[in-house]
Amino acid sequence: MAKAPTDLRSLARSHTDTAVKTLASIMNMSDAPHAARVSAAAHLLDRGWGKPKQPVTGGDEDDRPLKIEQIQRVIIDPTNTNREGTEAAT
């Protein structure tokens, strides 16, 4: 994603106070749709406290975080037709 020009970023940030007040206003409107209120509250929390960390797990049946045991870099000679071994001969 391309970075926004500094002047555009500065212009957008100049509306922070109004944007936060608008989100708080929507969140507090008892007659606003529930989805709008929840969305406004979530946006306020994300900006104030940061988004919650999303752990990477091994799948539905395994909720433990994935652990990388080993990273191995192997260089293969593309002209070698011997598929049994991938390591170069010494």
N, C-alpha and C. Protein backbone atom coordinates (compact mmCIF):
# COMPACT_ATOMS: atom_id res chain seq x y z
N MET A 1 0.85 -1.16 0.00
CA MET A 1 0.00 0.00 0.00
C MET A 1 0.89 1.22 0.00
N ALA A 2 0.59 2.18 -0.86
CA ALA A 2 1.38 3.41 -0.96
C ALA A 2 1.12 4.30 0.24
N LYS A 3 2.15 5.00 0.65
CA LYS A 3 2.01 5.92 1.78
C LYS A 3 1.25 7.16 1.33
N ALA A 4 0.40 7.66 2.22
CA ALA A 4 -0.33 8.89 1.92
C ALA A 4 0.64 10.06 2.04
N PRO A 5 0.51 11.04 1.16
CA PRO A 5 1.37 12.22 1.28
C PRO A 5 1.18 12.85 2.66
N THR A 6 2.25 13.41 3.18
CA THR A 6 2.24 13.98 4.52
C THR A 6 1.13 15.00 4.70
N ASP A 7 0.89 15.84 3.70
CA ASP A 7 -0.15 16.86 3.84
C ASP A 7 -1.55 16.24 3.93
N LEU A 8 -1.79 15.14 3.19
CA LEU A 8 -3.08 14.46 3.26
C LEU A 8 -3.25 13.80 4.63
N ARG A 9 -2.19 13.16 5.11
CA ARG A 9 -2.23 12.53 6.42
C ARG A 9 -2.49 13.59 7.50
N SER A 10 -1.83 14.71 7.39
CA SER A 10 -2.00 15.79 8.36
C SER A 10 -3.43 16.33 8.32
N LEU A 11 -3.98 16.48 7.11
CA LEU A 11 -5.36 16.96 6.96
C LEU A 11 -6.34 15.99 7.60
N ALA A 12 -6.14 14.69 7.35
CA ALA A 12 -7.02 13.67 7.94
C ALA A 12 -6.92 13.69 9.46
N ARG A 13 -5.71 13.81 9.98
CA ARG A 13 -5.52 13.83 11.42
C ARG A 13 -6.13 15.07 12.07
N SER A 14 -6.27 16.13 11.32
CA SER A 14 -6.86 17.34 11.90
C SER A 14 -8.34 17.13 12.23
N HIS A 15 -8.94 16.07 11.71
CA HIS A 15 -10.35 15.76 11.98
C HIS A 15 -10.51 14.70 13.07
N THR A 16 -9.44 14.35 13.74
CA THR A 16 -9.48 13.29 14.75
C THR A 16 -10.49 13.59 15.85
N ASP A 17 -10.47 14.79 16.39
CA ASP A 17 -11.36 15.14 17.49
C ASP A 17 -12.82 14.97 17.09
N THR A 18 -13.17 15.49 15.91
CA THR A 18 -14.55 15.38 15.42
C THR A 18 -14.93 13.93 15.17
N ALA A 19 -14.00 13.15 14.60
CA ALA A 19 -14.28 11.74 14.29
C ALA A 19 -14.53 10.95 15.56
N VAL A 20 -13.70 11.17 16.58
CA VAL A 20 -13.88 10.45 17.84
C VAL A 20 -15.19 10.84 18.50
N LYS A 21 -15.52 12.13 18.47
CA LYS A 21 -16.79 12.57 19.04
C LYS A 21 -17.97 11.97 18.29
N THR A 22 -17.85 11.86 16.97
CA THR A 22 -18.92 11.26 16.16
C THR A 22 -19.10 9.79 16.51
N LEU A 23 -18.00 9.06 16.61
CA LEU A 23 -18.09 7.65 16.99
C LEU A 23 -18.71 7.48 18.37
N ALA A 24 -18.29 8.33 19.31
CA ALA A 24 -18.84 8.25 20.67
C ALA A 24 -20.33 8.58 20.65
N SER A 25 -20.72 9.54 19.84
CA SER A 25 -22.13 9.92 19.74
C SER A 25 -22.97 8.77 19.19
N ILE A 26 -22.49 8.12 18.14
CA ILE A 26 -23.21 6.97 17.56
C ILE A 26 -23.30 5.84 18.58
N MET A 27 -22.19 5.58 19.28
CA MET A 27 -22.17 4.52 20.27
C MET A 27 -23.21 4.77 21.36
N ASN A 28 -23.42 6.02 21.73
CA ASN A 28 -24.33 6.37 22.81
C ASN A 28 -25.78 6.59 22.39
N MET A 29 -26.07 6.53 21.07
CA MET A 29 -27.44 6.72 20.59
C MET A 29 -28.25 5.46 20.86
N SER A 30 -29.23 5.54 21.74
CA SER A 30 -30.03 4.35 22.05
C SER A 30 -30.91 3.91 20.89
N ASP A 31 -31.24 4.85 19.98
CA ASP A 31 -32.10 4.49 18.85
C ASP A 31 -31.30 4.11 17.59
N ALA A 32 -29.98 4.14 17.67
CA ALA A 32 -29.15 3.73 16.52
C ALA A 32 -29.17 2.21 16.41
N PRO A 33 -29.00 1.69 15.19
CA PRO A 33 -28.95 0.23 15.03
C PRO A 33 -27.82 -0.36 15.88
N HIS A 34 -28.08 -1.53 16.43
CA HIS A 34 -27.08 -2.18 17.29
C HIS A 34 -25.75 -2.35 16.57
N ALA A 35 -25.79 -2.70 15.30
CA ALA A 35 -24.55 -2.91 14.54
C ALA A 35 -23.73 -1.63 14.47
N ALA A 36 -24.39 -0.49 14.30
CA ALA A 36 -23.68 0.79 14.24
C ALA A 36 -23.06 1.12 15.59
N ARG A 37 -23.79 0.85 16.67
CA ARG A 37 -23.27 1.14 18.01
C ARG A 37 -22.06 0.25 18.32
N VAL A 38 -22.17 -1.03 17.99
CA VAL A 38 -21.06 -1.95 18.24
C VAL A 38 -19.84 -1.57 17.40
N SER A 39 -20.08 -1.24 16.15
CA SER A 39 -18.98 -0.85 15.27
C SER A 39 -18.28 0.41 15.79
N ALA A 40 -19.05 1.40 16.21
CA ALA A 40 -18.47 2.63 16.75
C ALA A 40 -17.67 2.34 18.00
N ALA A 41 -18.21 1.51 18.89
CA ALA A 41 -17.49 1.16 20.12
C ALA A 41 -16.19 0.43 19.80
N ALA A 42 -16.25 -0.50 18.86
CA ALA A 42 -15.06 -1.27 18.48
C ALA A 42 -13.99 -0.35 17.91
N HIS A 43 -14.39 0.59 17.06
CA HIS A 43 -13.43 1.52 16.48
C HIS A 43 -12.79 2.39 17.56
N LEU A 44 -13.57 2.83 18.50
CA LEU A 44 -13.00 3.63 19.59
C LEU A 44 -12.00 2.82 20.41
N LEU A 45 -12.36 1.59 20.75
CA LEU A 45 -11.45 0.74 21.51
C LEU A 45 -10.17 0.43 20.73
N ASP A 46 -10.32 0.14 19.43
CA ASP A 46 -9.14 -0.16 18.60
C ASP A 46 -8.18 1.02 18.56
N ARG A 47 -8.70 2.21 18.46
CA ARG A 47 -7.84 3.38 18.37
C ARG A 47 -7.25 3.76 19.72
N GLY A 48 -8.01 3.50 20.78
CA GLY A 48 -7.52 3.85 22.10
C GLY A 48 -6.57 2.82 22.69
N TRP A 49 -6.82 1.54 22.42
CA TRP A 49 -6.05 0.47 23.06
C TRP A 49 -5.32 -0.42 22.07
N GLY A 50 -5.56 -0.24 20.78
CA GLY A 50 -4.95 -1.11 19.77
C GLY A 50 -5.82 -2.33 19.54
N LYS A 51 -5.67 -2.93 18.38
CA LYS A 51 -6.45 -4.13 18.06
C LYS A 51 -5.91 -5.31 18.85
N PRO A 52 -6.81 -6.22 19.26
CA PRO A 52 -6.34 -7.39 20.00
C PRO A 52 -5.46 -8.27 19.11
N LYS A 53 -4.47 -8.91 19.71
CA LYS A 53 -3.59 -9.80 18.97
C LYS A 53 -4.38 -11.04 18.54
N GLN A 54 -4.13 -11.49 17.32
CA GLN A 54 -4.79 -12.67 16.78
C GLN A 54 -3.78 -13.80 16.73
N PRO A 55 -3.87 -14.76 17.66
CA PRO A 55 -2.90 -15.85 17.64
C PRO A 55 -3.10 -16.76 16.44
N VAL A 56 -2.00 -17.27 15.92
CA VAL A 56 -2.06 -18.22 14.81
C VAL A 56 -2.04 -19.61 15.44
N THR A 57 -3.04 -20.44 15.11
CA THR A 57 -3.11 -21.77 15.68
C THR A 57 -2.99 -22.82 14.60
N GLY A 58 -2.84 -24.05 15.03
CA GLY A 58 -2.64 -25.16 14.11
C GLY A 58 -3.90 -25.65 13.44
N GLY A 59 -5.05 -25.15 13.79
CA GLY A 59 -6.30 -25.58 13.19
C GLY A 59 -7.39 -25.66 14.24
N ASP A 60 -8.59 -26.02 13.81
CA ASP A 60 -9.74 -26.07 14.72
C ASP A 60 -9.54 -27.08 15.85
N GLU A 61 -8.95 -28.21 15.54
CA GLU A 61 -8.79 -29.24 16.56
C GLU A 61 -7.60 -28.97 17.48
N ASP A 62 -6.74 -28.07 17.11
CA ASP A 62 -5.54 -27.79 17.90
C ASP A 62 -5.43 -26.29 18.12
N ASP A 63 -5.79 -25.83 19.31
CA ASP A 63 -5.79 -24.40 19.59
C ASP A 63 -4.45 -23.88 20.09
N ARG A 64 -3.46 -24.75 20.12
CA ARG A 64 -2.14 -24.28 20.55
C ARG A 64 -1.51 -23.45 19.43
N PRO A 65 -0.74 -22.40 19.78
CA PRO A 65 -0.07 -21.61 18.74
C PRO A 65 0.91 -22.47 17.95
N LEU A 66 1.05 -22.15 16.67
CA LEU A 66 2.02 -22.86 15.84
C LEU A 66 3.43 -22.54 16.32
N LYS A 67 4.29 -23.51 16.26
CA LYS A 67 5.67 -23.32 16.68
C LYS A 67 6.56 -23.77 15.53
N ILE A 68 7.45 -22.89 15.08
CA ILE A 68 8.38 -23.25 14.02
C ILE A 68 9.55 -23.97 14.67
N GLU A 69 9.75 -25.21 14.29
CA GLU A 69 10.82 -26.01 14.86
C GLU A 69 12.14 -25.76 14.13
N GLN A 70 12.09 -25.68 12.79
CA GLN A 70 13.33 -25.55 12.03
C GLN A 70 13.01 -24.96 10.66
N ILE A 71 13.87 -24.08 10.21
CA ILE A 71 13.79 -23.56 8.85
C ILE A 71 15.03 -24.06 8.14
N GLN A 72 14.82 -24.67 6.98
CA GLN A 72 15.95 -25.25 6.25
C GLN A 72 15.93 -24.72 4.82
N ARG A 73 17.06 -24.23 4.38
CA ARG A 73 17.21 -23.74 3.02
C ARG A 73 18.02 -24.77 2.24
N VAL A 74 17.44 -25.28 1.14
CA VAL A 74 18.10 -26.31 0.34
C VAL A 74 18.25 -25.78 -1.08
N ILE A 75 19.45 -25.90 -1.62
CA ILE A 75 19.71 -25.50 -3.00
C ILE A 75 19.71 -26.77 -3.85
N ILE A 76 18.91 -26.76 -4.88
CA ILE A 76 18.75 -27.94 -5.74
C ILE A 76 19.25 -27.61 -7.14
N ASP A 77 19.99 -28.53 -7.72
CA ASP A 77 20.49 -28.38 -9.08
C ASP A 77 19.35 -28.77 -10.03
N PRO A 78 18.80 -27.82 -10.79
CA PRO A 78 17.66 -28.13 -11.67
C PRO A 78 18.02 -29.09 -12.81
N THR A 79 19.31 -29.23 -13.11
CA THR A 79 19.70 -30.15 -14.19
C THR A 79 19.86 -31.58 -13.71
N ASN A 80 19.85 -31.78 -12.38
CA ASN A 80 19.99 -33.12 -11.81
C ASN A 80 18.65 -33.84 -11.93
N THR A 81 18.63 -34.94 -12.65
CA THR A 81 17.39 -35.70 -12.84
C THR A 81 17.19 -36.75 -11.76
N ASN A 82 18.16 -36.91 -10.88
CA ASN A 82 18.05 -37.86 -9.76
C ASN A 82 17.15 -37.22 -8.71
N ARG A 83 15.91 -37.67 -8.59
CA ARG A 83 14.92 -37.08 -7.67
C ARG A 83 15.02 -37.65 -6.27
N GLU A 84 15.81 -38.72 -6.08
CA GLU A 84 15.89 -39.32 -4.76
C GLU A 84 16.58 -38.41 -3.75
N GLY A 85 17.65 -37.79 -4.13
CA GLY A 85 18.39 -36.92 -3.23
C GLY A 85 18.31 -35.48 -3.69
N THR A 86 18.18 -34.58 -2.75
CA THR A 86 18.10 -33.18 -3.14
C THR A 86 19.38 -32.42 -2.81
N GLU A 87 20.28 -33.07 -2.07
CA GLU A 87 21.52 -32.40 -1.70
C GLU A 87 22.55 -32.60 -2.79
N ALA A 88 23.41 -31.59 -2.97
CA ALA A 88 24.45 -31.68 -3.98
C ALA A 88 25.50 -32.70 -3.56
N ALA A 89 26.08 -33.36 -4.52
CA ALA A 89 27.13 -34.35 -4.24
C ALA A 89 28.37 -33.61 -3.79
N THR A 90 29.09 -34.20 -2.83
CA THR A 90 30.32 -33.58 -2.34
C THR A 90 31.54 -34.20 -2.95
